[in-house]
Amino acid sequence: MMGLIGIAQTVWFVSLVVPIEYISPIMIKTVQTKTFWILITAVILGVIVGLISLVLILTAICAPQKSDQLRFKSSNGRLSISKAAVEKILQNSILEEGNVNDVKVKLHLRTKNRVARVNVAAVDRLNQDLLKLGEEIQTIVTDKLEQVMDAKVKKVRVKVTPFDSSQNRQKASHPRVV
């Protein structure tokens, strides 16, 4: 929408200053000028705004579609799974199986070809090998996403910080029993 408005504004702006054969009779004739530097400035500004508008239109057309939920359709009916619910499922499964605390999961969904990218941040609570723990978290996330959403996982990025260097040590301590 902004691209179309920008192109209309470009035509209007240039037609105020530069005499254009079909548009000039519509515009006020007293605004138009024959001063050379004003004509050049108007054309340059019009071209800049026009190019920005075209880039906005192309971005809107060509950008991959992202979504906050996935919709499944079958002969039995429809099902929608929200991104927040999947993030919560992944977070809980990592907490149960991964020996980590303070897990944060960020999921990026592409609806056209059902591709997911996942960023995970966690704090190690047992001072174990962080590389091995990261690989375990990657397999947990991949398996759980394929089980829950039947989606391909393009990339899983895991950032595990040791307990000693964590900022929030209260969350990384033993669980509180109430």
Protein backbone atom coordinates (compact mmCIF):
# COMPACT_ATOMS: atom_id res chain seq x y z
CA MET A 1 0.00 0.00 0.00
CA MET A 2 2.81 2.37 0.91
CA GLY A 3 4.48 1.62 -2.43
CA LEU A 4 1.39 2.56 -4.40
CA ILE A 5 0.94 5.75 -2.39
CA GLY A 6 4.61 6.57 -2.96
CA ILE A 7 4.30 6.17 -6.73
CA ALA A 8 1.19 8.36 -6.79
CA GLN A 9 2.99 10.95 -4.70
CA THR A 10 5.96 10.87 -7.09
CA VAL A 11 3.78 11.56 -10.12
CA TRP A 12 1.95 14.33 -8.24
CA PHE A 13 5.18 15.94 -7.00
CA VAL A 14 6.89 15.94 -10.37
CA SER A 15 3.76 17.20 -12.13
CA LEU A 16 3.63 20.19 -9.76
CA VAL A 17 6.99 21.41 -11.00
CA VAL A 18 7.65 19.85 -14.40
CA PRO A 19 5.08 20.36 -17.17
CA ILE A 20 3.79 16.91 -18.19
CA GLU A 21 1.52 16.80 -21.22
CA TYR A 22 -1.44 14.80 -19.86
CA ILE A 23 -1.18 15.65 -16.18
CA SER A 24 -0.35 19.37 -16.35
CA PRO A 25 -3.84 20.57 -17.34
CA ILE A 26 -5.14 19.01 -14.12
CA MET A 27 -2.53 20.70 -11.89
CA ILE A 28 -2.48 24.40 -11.05
CA LYS A 29 -0.48 26.16 -13.78
CA THR A 30 0.92 28.85 -11.47
CA VAL A 31 2.87 26.26 -9.46
CA GLN A 32 4.83 25.00 -12.46
CA THR A 33 8.12 26.71 -13.19
CA LYS A 34 10.79 26.79 -15.85
CA THR A 35 13.69 27.41 -13.46
CA PHE A 36 16.25 24.75 -14.33
CA TRP A 37 17.54 23.89 -10.83
CA ILE A 38 14.03 23.47 -9.47
CA LEU A 39 13.16 21.14 -12.35
CA ILE A 40 16.29 19.02 -11.76
CA THR A 41 15.69 18.91 -7.97
CA ALA A 42 12.06 17.84 -8.46
CA VAL A 43 12.99 15.11 -10.91
CA ILE A 44 15.78 13.78 -8.64
CA LEU A 45 13.52 13.75 -5.57
CA GLY A 46 10.75 12.15 -7.62
CA VAL A 47 13.08 9.40 -8.86
CA ILE A 48 14.30 8.69 -5.30
CA VAL A 49 10.76 8.42 -3.91
CA GLY A 50 9.69 6.35 -6.93
CA LEU A 51 12.58 3.88 -6.48
CA ILE A 52 11.84 3.51 -2.77
CA SER A 53 8.20 2.85 -3.62
CA LEU A 54 9.14 0.19 -6.16
CA VAL A 55 11.42 -1.50 -3.61
CA LEU A 56 8.54 -1.52 -1.11
CA ILE A 57 6.22 -3.11 -3.67
CA LEU A 58 8.79 -5.76 -4.68
CA THR A 59 9.52 -6.53 -1.03
CA ALA A 60 5.82 -7.02 -0.32
CA ILE A 61 5.41 -9.31 -3.34
CA CYS A 62 8.60 -11.37 -3.04
CA ALA A 63 9.05 -11.69 0.74
CA PRO A 64 8.52 -15.22 2.06
CA GLN A 65 5.32 -15.64 4.00
CA LYS A 66 5.78 -15.99 7.75
CA SER A 67 3.10 -16.95 10.17
CA ASP A 68 2.22 -17.07 13.85
CA GLN A 69 0.41 -20.36 13.41
CA LEU A 70 0.26 -23.37 11.17
CA ARG A 71 -3.00 -24.63 9.77
CA PHE A 72 -3.59 -28.26 8.89
CA LYS A 73 -6.51 -29.27 6.67
CA SER A 74 -7.73 -32.81 6.17
CA SER A 75 -10.94 -34.65 5.45
CA ASN A 76 -11.59 -34.82 9.21
CA GLY A 77 -11.42 -31.04 9.68
CA ARG A 78 -8.99 -28.21 10.36
CA LEU A 79 -6.41 -27.69 13.06
CA SER A 80 -4.43 -24.57 13.95
CA ILE A 81 -1.33 -24.66 16.14
CA SER A 82 -0.01 -21.34 17.36
CA LYS A 83 3.65 -20.45 17.42
CA ALA A 84 3.53 -19.63 21.15
CA ALA A 85 2.11 -23.08 21.94
CA VAL A 86 4.84 -24.83 19.98
CA GLU A 87 7.49 -22.67 21.69
CA LYS A 88 6.07 -23.67 25.08
CA ILE A 89 6.03 -27.37 24.12
CA LEU A 90 9.65 -27.17 23.01
CA GLN A 91 10.63 -25.29 26.15
CA ASN A 92 9.02 -27.89 28.43
CA SER A 93 10.52 -30.83 26.56
CA ILE A 94 14.01 -29.27 26.75
CA LEU A 95 13.56 -28.64 30.48
CA GLU A 96 12.49 -32.26 31.06
CA GLU A 97 15.15 -34.00 29.00
CA GLY A 98 18.06 -31.58 28.77
CA ASN A 99 19.31 -30.97 32.34
CA VAL A 100 19.14 -27.20 31.81
CA ASN A 101 17.28 -24.27 33.34
CA ASP A 102 16.12 -20.87 32.14
CA VAL A 103 15.25 -22.07 28.62
CA LYS A 104 14.10 -19.53 26.04
CA VAL A 105 12.85 -20.74 22.66
CA LYS A 106 12.21 -18.55 19.62
CA LEU A 107 10.52 -20.21 16.65
CA HIS A 108 10.33 -18.86 13.08
CA LEU A 109 7.72 -20.50 10.85
CA ARG A 110 7.35 -20.38 7.08
CA THR A 111 3.91 -21.56 6.07
CA LYS A 112 4.43 -22.20 2.36
CA ASN A 113 6.77 -25.16 2.67
CA ARG A 114 6.42 -25.79 6.44
CA VAL A 115 9.97 -24.97 7.39
CA ALA A 116 10.94 -23.99 10.93
CA ARG A 117 14.03 -22.29 12.33
CA VAL A 118 14.56 -22.43 16.08
CA ASN A 119 16.79 -20.41 18.42
CA VAL A 120 17.30 -21.86 21.90
CA ALA A 121 19.06 -20.23 24.86
CA ALA A 122 19.58 -22.20 28.06
CA VAL A 123 21.67 -22.35 31.24
CA ASP A 124 23.52 -25.57 32.08
CA ARG A 125 22.85 -26.74 35.64
CA LEU A 126 25.19 -29.74 35.95
CA ASN A 127 28.46 -28.27 34.57
CA GLN A 128 28.61 -30.85 31.78
CA ASP A 129 30.09 -30.72 28.29
CA LEU A 130 28.34 -27.80 26.59
CA LEU A 131 28.93 -29.05 23.05
CA LYS A 132 27.35 -32.42 23.81
CA LEU A 133 24.48 -30.69 25.64
CA GLY A 134 23.88 -28.44 22.63
CA GLU A 135 23.72 -31.44 20.32
CA GLU A 136 21.24 -33.14 22.66
CA ILE A 137 19.05 -30.04 22.66
CA GLN A 138 19.19 -29.94 18.85
CA THR A 139 17.98 -33.52 18.59
CA ILE A 140 15.25 -32.89 21.19
CA VAL A 141 13.99 -29.87 19.23
CA THR A 142 14.14 -31.65 15.86
CA ASP A 143 12.33 -34.75 17.12
CA LYS A 144 9.66 -32.77 18.97
CA LEU A 145 8.94 -30.46 16.02
CA GLU A 146 8.59 -33.38 13.64
CA GLN A 147 6.30 -35.12 16.13
CA VAL A 148 4.09 -32.12 16.94
CA MET A 149 3.92 -30.20 13.68
CA ASP A 150 5.18 -32.55 10.95
CA ALA A 151 7.44 -29.70 9.79
CA LYS A 152 10.97 -29.70 8.46
CA VAL A 153 13.56 -28.13 10.69
CA LYS A 154 15.93 -26.02 8.65
CA LYS A 155 18.17 -24.83 11.45
CA VAL A 156 18.42 -25.15 15.21
CA ARG A 157 20.70 -22.62 16.86
CA VAL A 158 21.53 -23.42 20.50
CA LYS A 159 23.28 -21.15 22.97
CA VAL A 160 24.10 -22.85 26.27
CA THR A 161 25.78 -20.82 29.01
CA PRO A 162 27.49 -22.45 31.98
CA PHE A 163 25.96 -22.07 35.42
CA ASP A 164 28.97 -20.09 36.70
CA SER A 165 28.62 -17.35 34.09
CA SER A 166 24.82 -17.09 34.14
CA GLN A 167 23.36 -13.72 35.09
CA ASN A 168 20.30 -15.03 36.90
CA ARG A 169 21.63 -17.65 39.32
CA GLN A 170 18.39 -17.97 41.25
CA LYS A 171 16.68 -19.53 38.25
CA ALA A 172 19.60 -21.86 37.68
CA SER A 173 19.55 -23.25 41.22
CA HIS A 174 17.57 -26.26 42.45
CA PRO A 175 13.83 -26.27 41.82
CA ARG A 176 11.66 -24.88 44.55
CA VAL A 177 9.15 -27.31 46.06
CA VAL A 178 5.93 -25.80 47.33
